[in-house]
């Protein structure tokens, strides 16, 4: 790895540490998200497999830790995290990341913030692949074909996620059950 990439790599590690610290101001986290996203976009093919694995695993750990409370965290922070994961997906999935859907489903079970982030990831991925078409045509077709071939798995994923969240709402808010079952 040349010295320029090494320096950028060190900056990315610092950015990751900023994102992981919940006390970091939201605007600083936004800038860190942008740095990591641009690093992935511009340097992914130049970095070694060990660093790629570290970035991917660390991004998934950050995703699993969630963001602040769903209604309090700024949209740009959530969007920044989803952009990083989508950039990784566009470069690694499905060939190098066969466990992605299982990992995302597991993360959805961790809380509302994580579920929101995973749904943002899918939304952004579909936008990038179908609407914006902002990746090379061959790669776009590969991902599009894979998405199309797993429609039923995605349907199961979204159905399970919706059902689990519905169950959580009913469990946490028993007053809703009373209102729903109360006869007028």
Foldseek 3Di string as FASTA:
>chain_A
DDPVLVVLLVVLVVLLVLLQDLPRDLVSVLVSLVSLLVCLVPCVVPDDPVVLVVLQVSLLVSLLVFHPPPVPRDPSNLLSSLSNNLSNCLVAPPPNPVCVLVSLLVSLLNDDRSVVSSVSNVVVNCCCLPPVVPDDPVSSVVVVVVCVVCVVVVVVSVVVSVVSVVVVCCVVCVVVVVVVPDDD
